[in-house]
Amino acid sequence: MKNLLLLFVLALVYSFPALATMHVINQSGTTFNPANMSVSVGDTVRFQWNNGSHNTVSTSVPAGANPWNSPLNPGNTSYEYEVLVAGEYAYECTFHNGQVGAFTATEVVNSVQIVRQVAMDMNVRTTANGNLLVHILHAAGDRAVVTMLDLTGREVAMLHQGAIASDDYTIRQDVTSFQRGIYLVRFQEGAHITTRKVLIQ
């Protein structure tokens, strides 16, 4: 029985999309390395100090994205920026002329979709400040129920009940009090059910 349960858990874990990626940009002398890269919405960019006194300051971000301004020095050896909006980002060290960089963020489309008149999709992730974000695209507009389950299938939170009329809808849930581990977010709208895995750490 234990072996069957383990196989069930492993099947759930490996059947869902990968978690967000951490991208590291190293300060090396008076350069950022890599100076250009591509990331996905939901990823985190970490600026890593190596020597000297520097900072990382955004010079251009997409509409709706948060700008940043952080020192990079022996007392602040790294800065992490969570990418929440698609588009072009540019940054610089204001202490050193020519120490600049940029990255491009694109939306991630999950490989598992239910195709009907429109392709409904759901992206699930956690943020650095302990929020669970459930991003629902192209819901049919019928009554929907969104719940959070543990890996045994037990409901641990009701996230939403009611129609989702918008084609781009986000649910936010504070999960700072939840135990660390893997959970499932389940969306049900009529006969349509979509489930995504999320890691709380």
Protein backbone atom coordinates (compact mmCIF):
# COMPACT_ATOMS: atom_id res chain seq x y z
CA MET A 1 0.00 0.00 0.00
CA LYS A 2 2.84 2.41 0.88
CA ASN A 3 4.53 1.65 -2.44
CA LEU A 4 1.32 2.43 -4.33
CA LEU A 5 0.95 5.73 -2.49
CA LEU A 6 4.57 6.63 -3.27
CA LEU A 7 4.05 5.88 -6.96
CA PHE A 8 0.90 8.04 -6.94
CA VAL A 9 2.77 10.97 -5.37
CA LEU A 10 5.68 10.64 -7.80
CA ALA A 11 3.28 10.53 -10.73
CA LEU A 12 1.67 13.76 -9.56
CA VAL A 13 5.01 15.49 -9.02
CA TYR A 14 6.44 14.63 -12.44
CA SER A 15 3.28 15.21 -14.47
CA PHE A 16 3.15 18.98 -13.89
CA PRO A 17 5.24 21.86 -15.26
CA ALA A 18 8.62 22.74 -13.73
CA LEU A 19 8.92 25.40 -11.04
CA ALA A 20 10.26 28.89 -11.69
CA THR A 21 13.97 29.34 -12.46
CA MET A 22 16.62 31.37 -10.66
CA HIS A 23 18.89 33.32 -13.07
CA VAL A 24 22.18 34.67 -11.69
CA ILE A 25 23.82 37.84 -13.02
CA ASN A 26 27.34 38.21 -11.64
CA GLN A 27 29.02 41.56 -11.02
CA SER A 28 32.52 41.07 -12.40
CA GLY A 29 34.75 44.15 -12.20
CA THR A 30 32.73 46.87 -13.90
CA THR A 31 30.53 44.53 -15.94
CA PHE A 32 27.42 42.45 -15.43
CA ASN A 33 27.72 38.87 -16.67
CA PRO A 34 25.70 37.87 -18.60
CA ALA A 35 24.85 41.34 -19.85
CA ASN A 36 21.80 40.07 -21.79
CA MET A 37 19.55 37.08 -21.25
CA SER A 38 16.01 35.76 -21.59
CA VAL A 39 13.79 34.78 -18.65
CA SER A 40 10.19 33.74 -18.09
CA VAL A 41 7.51 35.53 -16.11
CA GLY A 42 7.62 34.00 -12.63
CA ASP A 43 11.40 33.53 -12.68
CA THR A 44 13.76 35.34 -10.30
CA VAL A 45 16.86 37.29 -11.32
CA ARG A 46 19.64 37.34 -8.72
CA PHE A 47 22.34 40.02 -8.94
CA GLN A 48 25.48 38.62 -7.29
CA TRP A 49 28.26 40.84 -5.91
CA ASN A 50 31.89 39.74 -6.26
CA ASN A 51 34.09 42.74 -5.43
CA GLY A 52 34.20 46.51 -5.09
CA SER A 53 31.27 48.85 -4.46
CA HIS A 54 28.40 48.70 -6.96
CA ASN A 55 24.63 48.80 -7.27
CA THR A 56 21.93 47.56 -9.61
CA VAL A 57 19.36 50.17 -10.64
CA SER A 58 16.60 49.64 -13.18
CA THR A 59 16.60 52.19 -16.01
CA SER A 60 13.65 50.78 -17.95
CA VAL A 61 10.91 48.28 -17.01
CA PRO A 62 7.63 47.29 -18.73
CA ALA A 63 4.39 49.00 -17.72
CA GLY A 64 3.13 47.49 -14.47
CA ALA A 65 6.52 46.13 -13.39
CA ASN A 66 8.28 47.31 -10.24
CA PRO A 67 11.56 49.27 -10.64
CA TRP A 68 14.49 48.43 -8.35
CA ASN A 69 17.51 50.09 -6.77
CA SER A 70 19.81 47.96 -4.63
CA PRO A 71 23.43 48.20 -3.45
CA LEU A 72 25.91 45.44 -4.27
CA ASN A 73 28.76 45.53 -1.77
CA PRO A 74 30.27 43.47 1.09
CA GLY A 75 27.21 44.20 3.23
CA ASN A 76 24.71 43.46 0.43
CA THR A 77 26.16 40.57 -1.55
CA SER A 78 23.06 39.77 -3.59
CA TYR A 79 19.73 41.18 -4.69
CA GLU A 80 16.82 39.11 -6.00
CA TYR A 81 14.16 40.49 -8.34
CA GLU A 82 11.03 38.49 -9.10
CA VAL A 83 9.87 38.99 -12.70
CA LEU A 84 6.08 39.45 -12.75
CA VAL A 85 5.51 41.25 -16.09
CA ALA A 86 6.57 40.31 -19.62
CA GLY A 87 8.73 42.77 -21.55
CA GLU A 88 12.14 44.40 -21.77
CA TYR A 89 14.15 45.29 -18.64
CA ALA A 90 17.32 47.40 -18.56
CA TYR A 91 19.57 48.25 -15.61
CA GLU A 92 22.91 49.84 -14.70
CA CYS A 93 25.43 50.45 -11.96
CA THR A 94 25.24 54.19 -11.32
CA PHE A 95 28.80 54.19 -9.92
CA HIS A 96 30.49 52.98 -13.12
CA ASN A 97 29.80 54.38 -16.59
CA GLY A 98 29.07 51.60 -19.07
CA GLN A 99 28.24 48.95 -16.46
CA VAL A 100 24.85 48.07 -17.92
CA GLY A 101 22.72 45.05 -18.72
CA ALA A 102 19.29 43.92 -19.87
CA PHE A 103 16.96 40.93 -19.91
CA THR A 104 13.76 40.02 -21.74
CA ALA A 105 10.85 38.31 -19.96
CA THR A 106 8.23 36.25 -21.80
CA GLU A 107 5.02 34.63 -20.62
CA VAL A 108 5.14 30.87 -20.02
CA VAL A 109 2.49 28.71 -21.65
CA ASN A 110 2.02 25.41 -19.80
CA SER A 111 2.28 22.35 -22.00
CA VAL A 112 -0.85 20.77 -20.47
CA GLN A 113 -4.03 22.42 -21.71
CA ILE A 114 -7.62 21.37 -22.28
CA VAL A 115 -8.62 22.48 -25.78
CA ARG A 116 -12.24 23.44 -26.46
CA GLN A 117 -13.70 26.64 -27.96
CA VAL A 118 -10.87 28.49 -26.21
CA ALA A 119 -7.78 27.07 -24.51
CA MET A 120 -8.23 27.52 -20.76
CA ASP A 121 -4.93 27.64 -18.87
CA MET A 122 -3.85 28.12 -15.28
CA ASN A 123 -0.42 29.15 -13.96
CA VAL A 124 0.35 28.72 -10.25
CA ARG A 125 3.34 29.97 -8.29
CA THR A 126 4.40 31.44 -4.96
CA THR A 127 6.07 34.81 -4.45
CA ALA A 128 8.95 35.81 -2.21
CA ASN A 129 6.60 37.51 0.25
CA GLY A 130 4.54 34.35 0.87
CA ASN A 131 1.64 34.82 -1.53
CA LEU A 132 0.18 32.12 -3.74
CA LEU A 133 -0.74 33.48 -7.18
CA VAL A 134 -3.22 31.57 -9.35
CA HIS A 135 -3.37 33.10 -12.82
CA ILE A 136 -6.35 31.88 -14.86
CA LEU A 137 -6.58 32.55 -18.59
CA HIS A 138 -9.64 32.15 -20.83
CA ALA A 139 -12.12 30.72 -18.34
CA ALA A 140 -15.52 29.98 -19.89
CA GLY A 141 -17.38 32.29 -17.48
CA ASP A 142 -19.35 29.54 -15.77
CA ARG A 143 -19.36 28.98 -12.00
CA ALA A 144 -15.86 27.91 -10.97
CA VAL A 145 -14.41 26.44 -7.80
CA VAL A 146 -10.69 26.79 -7.09
CA THR A 147 -9.31 24.84 -4.15
CA MET A 148 -5.92 24.00 -2.69
CA LEU A 149 -5.23 20.38 -1.75
CA ASP A 150 -2.43 18.46 -0.07
CA LEU A 151 -1.00 15.41 -1.84
CA THR A 152 -3.51 13.12 -0.13
CA GLY A 153 -6.32 15.05 -1.83
CA ARG A 154 -7.47 16.79 1.38
CA GLU A 155 -8.72 20.34 0.86
CA VAL A 156 -6.62 22.85 2.81
CA ALA A 157 -8.00 26.11 1.41
CA MET A 158 -10.92 27.39 -0.66
CA LEU A 159 -9.45 29.97 -3.05
CA HIS A 160 -12.48 30.97 -5.12
CA GLN A 161 -16.16 30.17 -5.70
CA GLY A 162 -18.21 31.78 -8.45
CA ALA A 163 -18.02 32.77 -12.09
CA ILE A 164 -14.73 33.98 -13.59
CA ALA A 165 -15.84 36.23 -16.41
CA SER A 166 -12.46 37.79 -17.19
CA ASP A 167 -10.06 36.27 -19.71
CA ASP A 168 -7.18 37.18 -17.39
CA TYR A 169 -7.94 36.60 -13.70
CA THR A 170 -5.56 36.35 -10.74
CA ILE A 171 -6.29 34.90 -7.29
CA ARG A 172 -3.97 35.82 -4.39
CA GLN A 173 -3.74 33.76 -1.19
CA ASP A 174 -1.45 34.31 1.80
CA VAL A 175 0.32 30.98 2.44
CA THR A 176 2.86 32.10 5.05
CA SER A 177 1.13 29.94 7.67
CA PHE A 178 1.14 26.80 5.50
CA GLN A 179 3.60 23.98 6.14
CA ARG A 180 6.39 23.65 3.59
CA GLY A 181 5.83 21.09 0.88
CA ILE A 182 4.07 20.33 -2.39
CA TYR A 183 0.40 21.20 -2.83
CA LEU A 184 -2.11 20.95 -5.65
CA VAL A 185 -4.32 23.78 -6.91
CA ARG A 186 -7.52 22.44 -8.50
CA PHE A 187 -9.74 24.46 -10.85
CA GLN A 188 -13.20 23.11 -11.68
CA GLU A 189 -15.62 24.81 -14.06
CA GLY A 190 -18.53 22.56 -15.00
CA ALA A 191 -17.07 19.28 -16.23
CA HIS A 192 -13.68 20.87 -16.88
CA ILE A 193 -11.00 20.23 -14.24
CA THR A 194 -7.39 21.47 -14.29
CA THR A 195 -4.81 20.77 -11.59
CA ARG A 196 -1.40 22.34 -11.04
CA LYS A 197 1.40 21.60 -8.58
CA VAL A 198 2.92 24.31 -6.36
CA LEU A 199 5.83 24.19 -3.91
CA ILE A 200 5.69 26.23 -0.69
CA GLN A 201 9.15 26.67 0.80
